[in-house]
């Protein structure tokens, strides 16, 4: 796989050495057991896969190159390049401006853009409508486009099955940038509807089976369907694609549910499945799959707590948190500064969507066993700093330094 020129401040010699060793020992990526770091009275259970994915490294390289190649010019990001506050802050410090926020709210006057400006398309991609608005301004949206290739793969697959006469069902969060982009590209070729979870998929199923009147559809799926969508004719043949950062198991469950429902409703024989349902399994993102499988492997160990690192608005990171929460106390943090002391930790609560401080998060018993992973937009350097912070607060800095030197020597 291609390597990218990612700024050194995002790299970690320790994490790089660990990942290199695991990759050398497991080239086919079939071993999802965690790496165990013994740091005195602290045991860190580190997920097999975590951190920057291909799409994120590609986006970072392009964005930093855009700044380097355009001194004196105004440089804009259409919205957050990735959902990592530290990296977005670094770009802002370099003079890059955001045109809109992650929900599409304008932060600058669109009319102020000129053909001399540089606009970077974020890793999530963007809508065809916004691409055209940039062209109308005399700005080429493809010059510094950081759209993840695996997101584009979903678009291409949606286009192909749409051209084959299927309606697209997008499993995603309706307000997420990637889902908005996928919806835009898909609806250009075929009727498209978004379902955010299994509950909405089951609701859609009631329209497939004609249990609900079509007049109610446009209320139930307000803002989530393409113009002119007619459930009576547009749900006869369907295919499911996803926002690539959703839980892979959730997307598969939704696809399986809709597939069985539509085949049963139309009494379709197994060898005639493609008459009603398109095979879209190949749209699941490799990094999403790997990171989630690594968490599942990590959770087979016993631990006292889990720490998941990433941006609070990061979809892929939030799903890692959800997986960990099923087994043990889990703390979703931005960076090492969230670990205030050995008694207090500041973290994001997915259920209330608020940041809060929890006291007494470290149990009195020793040794302390902590699971650690991070989202696909989290730098390895940040993961190392979190581990170092845990070592410091538990009196294990010397052990941390020793194991860091040991891993770095092994990589030479």
Protein backbone atom coordinates (compact mmCIF):
# COMPACT_ATOMS: atom_id res chain seq x y z
CA UNK A 1 0.00 0.00 0.00
CA UNK A 2 1.22 3.52 -0.79
CA UNK A 3 3.06 5.41 1.93
CA UNK A 4 2.34 9.09 2.54
CA UNK A 5 4.33 12.12 3.60
CA UNK A 6 2.69 12.76 6.96
CA UNK A 7 4.20 15.49 9.22
CA UNK A 8 6.57 14.08 11.82
CA UNK A 9 4.58 15.51 14.74
CA UNK A 10 1.85 12.95 14.06
CA UNK A 11 4.25 9.98 14.11
CA UNK A 12 5.33 7.89 17.08
CA UNK A 13 8.53 5.80 17.01
CA UNK A 14 7.04 3.51 19.67
CA UNK A 15 3.72 2.92 17.91
CA UNK A 16 5.42 2.68 14.53
CA UNK A 17 7.72 -0.07 15.87
CA UNK A 18 4.78 -1.98 17.35
CA UNK A 19 2.74 -1.75 14.14
CA UNK A 20 5.72 -2.74 11.99
CA UNK A 21 6.39 -5.83 14.12
CA UNK A 22 2.73 -6.88 14.10
CA UNK A 23 2.53 -6.39 10.33
CA UNK A 24 5.68 -8.45 9.75
CA UNK A 25 4.31 -11.28 11.89
CA UNK A 26 0.81 -11.15 10.40
CA UNK A 27 0.94 -10.02 6.76
CA UNK A 28 -2.58 -11.30 6.02
CA UNK A 29 -4.06 -9.42 9.00
CA UNK A 30 -5.81 -12.47 10.43
CA UNK A 31 -4.53 -12.03 14.01
CA UNK A 32 -6.69 -9.56 15.91
CA UNK A 33 -5.19 -10.21 19.34
CA UNK A 34 -3.92 -7.05 21.08
CA UNK A 35 -0.34 -6.06 21.87
CA UNK A 36 0.37 -6.25 25.61
CA UNK A 37 2.68 -3.58 27.09
CA UNK A 38 3.84 -4.42 30.61
CA UNK A 39 4.67 -1.13 32.32
CA UNK A 40 5.31 -2.04 35.94
CA UNK A 41 2.00 -1.91 37.77
CA UNK A 42 0.29 -0.77 34.55
CA UNK A 43 -0.67 -3.17 31.80
CA UNK A 44 -1.69 -1.55 28.50
CA UNK A 45 -3.75 -3.74 26.18
CA UNK A 46 -3.25 -2.07 22.80
CA UNK A 47 -5.59 -2.91 19.91
CA UNK A 48 -4.09 -4.68 16.89
CA UNK A 49 -5.33 -1.99 14.47
CA UNK A 50 -5.99 1.68 15.23
CA UNK A 51 -5.09 5.18 14.10
CA UNK A 52 -4.56 6.75 10.70
CA UNK A 53 -6.08 4.89 7.77
CA UNK A 54 -5.12 5.23 4.10
CA UNK A 55 -7.75 7.90 3.43
CA UNK A 56 -6.70 10.06 6.39
CA UNK A 57 -2.98 9.95 5.53
CA UNK A 58 -3.83 10.80 1.93
CA UNK A 59 -5.93 13.79 3.07
CA UNK A 60 -3.23 15.09 5.42
CA UNK A 61 -0.55 14.89 2.76
CA UNK A 62 -2.68 16.77 0.20
CA UNK A 63 -3.80 19.45 2.64
CA UNK A 64 -0.30 20.24 3.89
CA UNK A 65 0.98 20.25 0.30
CA UNK A 66 -1.74 22.72 -0.67
CA UNK A 67 -0.49 25.13 2.01
CA UNK A 68 3.14 24.67 0.96
CA UNK A 69 2.43 25.18 -2.74
CA UNK A 70 0.33 28.33 -2.35
CA UNK A 71 2.17 30.94 -0.27
CA UNK A 72 0.27 34.20 -0.05
CA UNK A 73 -2.98 32.73 -1.29
CA UNK A 74 -6.17 32.30 0.67
CA UNK A 75 -6.66 28.60 1.39
CA UNK A 76 -9.97 27.14 2.47
CA UNK A 77 -11.25 23.76 3.61
CA UNK A 78 -14.81 23.11 2.53
CA UNK A 79 -15.38 21.76 6.07
CA UNK A 80 -13.34 19.84 8.63
CA UNK A 81 -10.87 17.75 6.64
CA UNK A 82 -11.17 14.88 9.12
CA UNK A 83 -12.80 14.65 12.54
CA UNK A 84 -9.71 15.27 14.63
CA UNK A 85 -9.57 18.56 16.56
CA UNK A 86 -5.76 18.63 16.81
CA UNK A 87 -5.12 18.29 13.09
CA UNK A 88 -7.86 20.75 12.19
CA UNK A 89 -6.36 23.19 14.71
CA UNK A 90 -2.93 22.77 13.07
CA UNK A 91 -4.42 23.66 9.69
CA UNK A 92 -6.17 26.71 11.15
CA UNK A 93 -2.86 27.80 12.69
CA UNK A 94 -1.32 27.61 9.21
CA UNK A 95 -3.94 30.06 7.94
CA UNK A 96 -6.43 27.63 6.45
CA UNK A 97 -10.06 28.71 6.86
CA UNK A 98 -13.19 26.55 7.04
CA UNK A 99 -16.01 27.49 4.66
CA UNK A 100 -18.65 25.61 6.67
CA UNK A 101 -18.94 23.46 9.76
CA UNK A 102 -19.54 19.71 9.80
CA UNK A 103 -23.32 20.17 9.62
CA UNK A 104 -23.16 22.43 6.57
CA UNK A 105 -23.59 25.78 8.35
CA UNK A 106 -21.74 28.54 6.49
CA UNK A 107 -18.82 30.09 8.39
CA UNK A 108 -17.82 32.55 5.68
CA UNK A 109 -19.75 34.37 2.98
CA UNK A 110 -19.81 32.12 -0.09
CA UNK A 111 -19.85 35.18 -2.33
CA UNK A 112 -16.46 36.23 -0.93
CA UNK A 113 -14.72 33.33 -2.72
CA UNK A 114 -12.75 34.22 -5.85
CA UNK A 115 -11.05 32.21 -8.64
CA UNK A 116 -7.69 32.98 -6.99
CA UNK A 117 -8.64 31.09 -3.83
CA UNK A 118 -7.65 27.50 -3.10
CA UNK A 119 -10.36 25.16 -1.78
CA UNK A 120 -9.56 21.73 -0.33
CA UNK A 121 -12.26 19.06 -0.47
CA UNK A 122 -12.31 17.06 2.82
CA UNK A 123 -11.73 13.32 3.16
CA UNK A 124 -15.49 12.74 3.46
CA UNK A 125 -15.99 14.09 -0.07
CA UNK A 126 -18.69 16.58 -0.92
CA UNK A 127 -21.93 16.88 -2.83
CA UNK A 128 -22.22 17.37 -6.56
CA UNK A 129 -24.12 20.58 -5.83
CA UNK A 130 -21.23 22.10 -3.87
CA UNK A 131 -18.74 20.99 -6.50
CA UNK A 132 -20.75 22.89 -9.09
CA UNK A 133 -20.94 25.98 -6.87
CA UNK A 134 -17.15 25.99 -6.69
CA UNK A 135 -16.85 25.64 -10.46
CA UNK A 136 -19.27 28.52 -10.87
CA UNK A 137 -16.81 30.55 -8.77
CA UNK A 138 -13.98 29.60 -11.10
CA UNK A 139 -12.44 27.20 -8.55
CA UNK A 140 -11.45 23.66 -9.55
CA UNK A 141 -12.74 21.36 -6.76
CA UNK A 142 -10.56 18.46 -7.94
CA UNK A 143 -7.17 20.20 -7.69
CA UNK A 144 -6.79 19.58 -3.96
CA UNK A 145 -9.42 16.93 -3.40
CA UNK A 146 -8.75 14.66 -0.42
CA UNK A 147 -11.83 12.44 -0.78
CA UNK A 148 -11.05 9.00 0.60
CA UNK A 149 -10.70 6.42 -2.20
CA UNK A 150 -12.89 4.04 -0.23
CA UNK A 151 -15.67 6.63 -0.08
CA UNK A 152 -15.34 7.03 -3.85
CA UNK A 153 -15.60 3.25 -4.13
CA UNK A 154 -19.03 3.46 -2.47
CA UNK A 155 -20.07 6.17 -4.92
CA UNK A 156 -18.93 4.11 -7.89
CA UNK A 157 -20.73 1.03 -6.62
CA UNK A 158 -23.91 3.02 -6.03
CA UNK A 159 -23.68 4.44 -9.55
CA UNK A 160 -23.20 0.97 -11.06
CA UNK A 161 -26.12 -0.70 -9.32
CA UNK A 162 -28.22 2.41 -9.84
CA UNK A 163 -27.60 2.19 -13.57
CA UNK A 164 -28.64 -1.46 -13.34
CA UNK A 165 -32.07 -0.37 -12.12
CA UNK A 166 -31.75 -0.66 -8.34
CA UNK A 167 -32.75 1.95 -5.78
CA UNK A 168 -29.97 2.78 -3.31
CA UNK A 169 -30.49 2.50 0.44
CA UNK A 170 -27.69 4.35 2.26
CA UNK A 171 -26.97 3.24 5.84
CA UNK A 172 -25.55 6.35 7.47
CA UNK A 173 -26.08 9.35 9.70
CA UNK A 174 -28.19 11.78 7.63
CA UNK A 175 -26.32 14.91 8.80
CA UNK A 176 -22.80 13.43 8.40
CA UNK A 177 -20.71 14.97 5.60
CA UNK A 178 -19.92 11.61 4.04
CA UNK A 179 -23.55 10.48 4.00
CA UNK A 180 -24.63 13.79 2.47
CA UNK A 181 -21.97 13.37 -0.23
CA UNK A 182 -22.87 9.73 -0.93
CA UNK A 183 -26.56 10.62 -1.09
CA UNK A 184 -25.83 13.41 -3.60
CA UNK A 185 -23.73 11.20 -5.88
CA UNK A 186 -26.20 8.31 -5.68
CA UNK A 187 -29.35 10.32 -6.36
CA UNK A 188 -27.77 11.63 -9.56
CA UNK A 189 -28.19 8.10 -10.95
CA UNK A 190 -31.08 6.47 -9.13
CA UNK A 191 -33.73 6.97 -6.43
CA UNK A 192 -32.01 7.02 -3.04
CA UNK A 193 -33.10 6.88 0.59
CA UNK A 194 -31.09 7.06 3.84
CA UNK A 195 -31.70 4.83 6.86
CA UNK A 196 -29.81 5.73 10.02
CA UNK A 197 -30.27 2.44 11.92
CA UNK A 198 -32.07 -0.89 12.04
CA UNK A 199 -35.21 0.77 13.37
CA UNK A 200 -35.46 2.93 10.25
CA UNK A 201 -34.61 -0.07 8.06
CA UNK A 202 -37.54 -1.92 9.59
CA UNK A 203 -39.73 1.12 9.00
CA UNK A 204 -38.63 1.15 5.36
CA UNK A 205 -39.47 -2.55 5.22
CA UNK A 206 -43.09 -1.75 6.03
CA UNK A 207 -43.23 0.32 2.86
CA UNK A 208 -41.66 -2.50 0.86
CA UNK A 209 -44.43 -4.82 2.06
CA UNK A 210 -47.11 -2.13 1.58
CA UNK A 211 -48.08 -2.20 5.26
CA UNK A 212 -47.93 1.59 5.44
CA UNK A 213 -49.57 4.11 3.10
CA UNK A 214 -47.18 5.82 0.71
CA UNK A 215 -48.53 9.19 1.82
CA UNK A 216 -46.82 8.68 5.18
CA UNK A 217 -43.39 7.87 3.70
CA UNK A 218 -42.37 11.48 3.07
CA UNK A 219 -43.01 12.33 6.72
CA UNK A 220 -41.22 9.29 8.12
CA UNK A 221 -38.13 9.90 5.95
CA UNK A 222 -38.21 13.67 5.71
CA UNK A 223 -34.93 15.00 4.34
CA UNK A 224 -33.66 11.46 3.68
CA UNK A 225 -34.98 10.67 0.21
CA UNK A 226 -34.27 11.89 -3.32
CA UNK A 227 -36.64 14.21 -5.14
CA UNK A 228 -39.69 12.43 -6.54
CA UNK A 229 -39.08 9.24 -4.54
CA UNK A 230 -42.07 6.92 -4.94
CA UNK A 231 -41.99 4.01 -2.46
CA UNK A 232 -44.50 2.01 -4.54
CA UNK A 233 -42.17 1.76 -7.54
CA UNK A 234 -38.76 2.70 -6.10
CA UNK A 235 -38.62 -0.10 -3.51
CA UNK A 236 -39.13 -2.99 -5.95
CA UNK A 237 -35.38 -3.55 -6.40
CA UNK A 238 -32.82 -2.26 -3.89
CA UNK A 239 -29.16 -2.33 -2.91
CA UNK A 240 -27.57 -1.21 0.37
CA UNK A 241 -24.39 0.86 0.66
CA UNK A 242 -23.03 2.57 3.75
CA UNK A 243 -21.30 5.53 5.27
CA UNK A 244 -17.92 3.83 5.54
CA UNK A 245 -17.46 4.64 9.22
CA UNK A 246 -20.60 2.91 10.48
CA UNK A 247 -20.46 -0.34 12.41
CA UNK A 248 -19.84 -2.96 9.74
CA UNK A 249 -22.00 -5.46 11.63
CA UNK A 250 -24.89 -2.97 11.69
CA UNK A 251 -24.69 -2.37 7.93
CA UNK A 252 -24.56 -6.11 7.29
CA UNK A 253 -27.52 -6.71 9.59
CA UNK A 254 -29.57 -4.03 7.80
CA UNK A 255 -28.65 -5.43 4.40
CA UNK A 256 -29.51 -8.98 5.49
CA UNK A 257 -32.83 -7.84 6.95
CA UNK A 258 -33.92 -5.92 3.83
CA UNK A 259 -32.71 -8.70 1.56
CA UNK A 260 -34.71 -11.40 3.33
CA UNK A 261 -37.76 -9.15 3.59
CA UNK A 262 -37.91 -8.23 -0.09
CA UNK A 263 -37.19 -11.79 -1.26
CA UNK A 264 -39.92 -13.19 0.98
CA UNK A 265 -42.41 -10.50 -0.02
CA UNK A 266 -41.96 -11.23 -3.72
CA UNK A 267 -41.47 -15.00 -3.20
CA UNK A 268 -38.13 -14.83 -5.00
CA UNK A 269 -36.10 -18.01 -5.37
CA UNK A 270 -32.58 -18.04 -3.89
CA UNK A 271 -30.97 -18.32 -7.33
CA UNK A 272 -32.91 -15.26 -8.48
CA UNK A 273 -31.83 -12.98 -5.62
CA UNK A 274 -30.29 -10.38 -7.92
CA UNK A 275 -33.69 -9.76 -9.48
CA UNK A 276 -34.63 -7.90 -6.28
CA UNK A 277 -31.46 -7.27 -4.26
CA UNK A 278 -27.99 -6.11 -5.35
CA UNK A 279 -24.83 -7.51 -3.74
CA UNK A 280 -22.93 -4.57 -2.20
CA UNK A 281 -20.77 -6.24 0.45
CA UNK A 282 -17.63 -4.85 -1.16
CA UNK A 283 -18.45 -1.28 -0.08
CA UNK A 284 -17.47 -1.86 3.56
CA UNK A 285 -14.28 0.09 4.44
CA UNK A 286 -11.23 -2.04 5.24
CA UNK A 287 -10.05 0.29 8.05
CA UNK A 288 -13.47 0.37 9.69
CA UNK A 289 -13.60 -3.41 9.57
CA UNK A 290 -10.03 -3.85 10.85
CA UNK A 291 -10.38 -1.39 13.73
CA UNK A 292 -13.69 -2.87 14.86
CA UNK A 293 -12.38 -6.44 14.58
CA UNK A 294 -9.30 -5.39 16.58
CA UNK A 295 -11.53 -4.04 19.35
CA UNK A 296 -13.46 -7.31 19.38
CA UNK A 297 -10.14 -9.15 19.72
CA UNK A 298 -9.01 -6.79 22.46
CA UNK A 299 -12.24 -7.32 24.39
CA UNK A 300 -11.50 -11.02 24.71
CA UNK A 301 -8.94 -10.03 27.38
CA UNK A 302 -9.83 -8.96 30.91
CA UNK A 303 -9.29 -5.31 31.83
CA UNK A 304 -10.39 -2.66 34.30
CA UNK A 305 -11.28 0.05 31.82
CA UNK A 306 -10.93 1.16 28.19
CA UNK A 307 -9.68 4.44 26.78
CA UNK A 308 -10.73 5.34 23.23
CA UNK A 309 -9.00 8.35 21.65
CA UNK A 310 -10.42 10.52 18.89
CA UNK A 311 -12.53 13.51 17.92
CA UNK A 312 -15.88 13.62 19.66
CA UNK A 313 -17.62 14.09 16.30
CA UNK A 314 -15.78 11.13 14.75
CA UNK A 315 -18.27 8.50 13.64
CA UNK A 316 -15.81 5.63 13.36
CA UNK A 317 -14.38 6.39 16.82
CA UNK A 318 -17.82 6.53 18.41
CA UNK A 319 -18.53 3.00 17.22
CA UNK A 320 -15.33 1.74 18.85
CA UNK A 321 -16.59 3.32 22.07
CA UNK A 322 -19.95 1.56 21.68
CA UNK A 323 -18.22 -1.80 21.30
CA UNK A 324 -16.06 -1.27 24.39
CA UNK A 325 -18.99 -0.04 26.48
CA UNK A 326 -20.64 -3.42 26.05
CA UNK A 327 -18.01 -5.00 28.31
CA UNK A 328 -16.35 -2.47 30.62
CA UNK A 329 -16.13 1.18 31.75
CA UNK A 330 -15.06 3.18 28.70
CA UNK A 331 -13.71 6.72 28.44
CA UNK A 332 -13.85 8.56 25.10
CA UNK A 333 -11.15 11.26 25.18
CA UNK A 334 -9.69 13.84 22.78
CA UNK A 335 -6.11 13.71 24.00
CA UNK A 336 -3.83 13.09 26.97
CA UNK A 337 -4.92 16.34 28.65
CA UNK A 338 -8.33 14.76 29.28
CA UNK A 339 -6.64 12.46 31.81
CA UNK A 340 -6.58 15.13 34.50
CA UNK A 341 -5.17 13.03 37.35
CA UNK A 342 -5.18 9.52 38.77
CA UNK A 343 -8.60 10.39 40.18
CA UNK A 344 -10.26 12.45 37.43
CA UNK A 345 -10.81 11.98 33.69
CA UNK A 346 -12.66 14.30 31.30
CA UNK A 347 -14.48 12.39 28.58
CA UNK A 348 -17.36 12.48 26.11
CA UNK A 349 -20.63 10.73 26.90
CA UNK A 350 -22.13 9.35 23.67
CA UNK A 351 -25.55 8.98 25.27
CA UNK A 352 -25.95 12.58 26.45
CA UNK A 353 -23.61 14.11 23.83
CA UNK A 354 -21.85 16.08 26.55
CA UNK A 355 -18.34 16.17 27.96
CA UNK A 356 -18.14 15.33 31.64
CA UNK A 357 -15.62 14.60 34.38
CA UNK A 358 -15.63 11.24 36.16
CA UNK A 359 -13.86 10.75 39.48
CA UNK A 360 -12.46 7.50 40.82
CA UNK A 361 -12.11 5.99 37.36
CA UNK A 362 -8.98 4.02 38.32
CA UNK A 363 -9.74 1.07 40.63
CA UNK A 364 -7.71 0.68 43.81
CA UNK A 365 -6.54 -2.83 42.92
CA UNK A 366 -3.25 -3.42 41.11
CA UNK A 367 -2.02 -4.05 38.54
CA UNK A 368 -4.15 -1.64 36.52
CA UNK A 369 -5.20 -3.07 33.14
CA UNK A 370 -6.21 -0.50 30.52
CA UNK A 371 -7.40 -1.17 26.98
CA UNK A 372 -6.34 1.50 24.49
CA UNK A 373 -7.43 2.16 20.92
CA UNK A 374 -8.12 5.15 18.69
CA UNK A 375 -10.14 6.23 15.69
CA UNK A 376 -8.96 6.36 12.09
CA UNK A 377 -8.19 10.08 12.26
CA UNK A 378 -6.12 9.95 15.46
CA UNK A 379 -2.32 10.39 15.18
CA UNK A 380 -0.10 7.65 16.59
CA UNK A 381 1.82 10.32 18.51
CA UNK A 382 -1.35 11.08 20.45
CA UNK A 383 -1.81 7.42 21.38
CA UNK A 384 1.76 7.33 22.68
CA UNK A 385 1.18 10.47 24.76
CA UNK A 386 -1.95 8.95 26.31
CA UNK A 387 -0.03 5.80 27.28
CA UNK A 388 2.78 7.93 28.67
CA UNK A 389 0.28 9.97 30.68
CA UNK A 390 -1.22 6.81 32.17
CA UNK A 391 2.28 5.60 33.04
CA UNK A 392 3.10 8.92 34.71
CA UNK A 393 -0.05 8.97 36.83
CA UNK A 394 0.47 5.37 37.97
CA UNK A 395 4.16 5.84 38.80
CA UNK A 396 5.45 3.83 35.84
CA UNK A 397 7.38 6.40 33.78
CA UNK A 398 10.66 4.50 34.05
CA UNK A 399 8.99 1.33 32.79
CA UNK A 400 7.42 3.30 29.93
CA UNK A 401 10.79 4.78 28.93
CA UNK A 402 12.44 1.36 29.07
CA UNK A 403 9.83 -0.37 26.92
CA UNK A 404 9.89 2.54 24.43
CA UNK A 405 13.67 2.19 24.05
CA UNK A 406 13.28 -1.58 23.70
CA UNK A 407 10.71 -1.33 20.91
CA UNK A 408 12.63 1.40 19.09
CA UNK A 409 15.84 -0.67 19.17
CA UNK A 410 13.97 -3.67 17.78
CA UNK A 411 12.81 -1.57 14.82
CA UNK A 412 16.34 -0.48 13.85
